[in-house]
Amino acid sequence: MAHITLKNSYSRLAERLNRFPQGAPVSDLLFQILGMLFSEKEAGQIWNCSLSGSHKILDALADRGILVDIEQNGRTVYTLPPPMAGFFEFSLMRVRHDIDQKILSELFYQYLNMKEEFIRDLFTRGKTQLGRNGRMTPKLIVANL
């Protein structure tokens, strides 16, 4: 029964990520990546804890590069950057011992390169496409990494 809850937590998180213009196409690889980056509780988004408990969770997510935290008018404001050009990359910018960064990197590589529809969706889906030519029509950008 726990696997159903786990899948639901990460499914809800994937739905949240897909509110960004670029989103994150849902796949088993995405769920594996999210499972490495977020605990089940963090992924569930409804924590049922105190304000100080919430701050501890938010600070931990920011320390791991998942959230961006800034000071604004004497308060800490947290925001979830988009997956691409966001927390996917940020999560690998720190030396970490809580996850296997080599495995995470391999999952990212597979997710980004083995799925042609990911790149197509990333650059051409939705109202705001990341890649455009001079006439403002979608243009697929491919890079060899």
Foldseek 3Di string as FASTA:
>chain_A
DVVVLLVVLQVVLQVVLQVPQQGADDDPLSSVLCVQLDPSCRSNVDNPDDPVVVVVVQVVSVVQQQWPWDADPNDIDIDGDHCPVGSLVSNLPDDDDSGDVVVSVVSVCCRVPVDPVSQVSRAADGDDGPAADPVRHTDRDDDDD
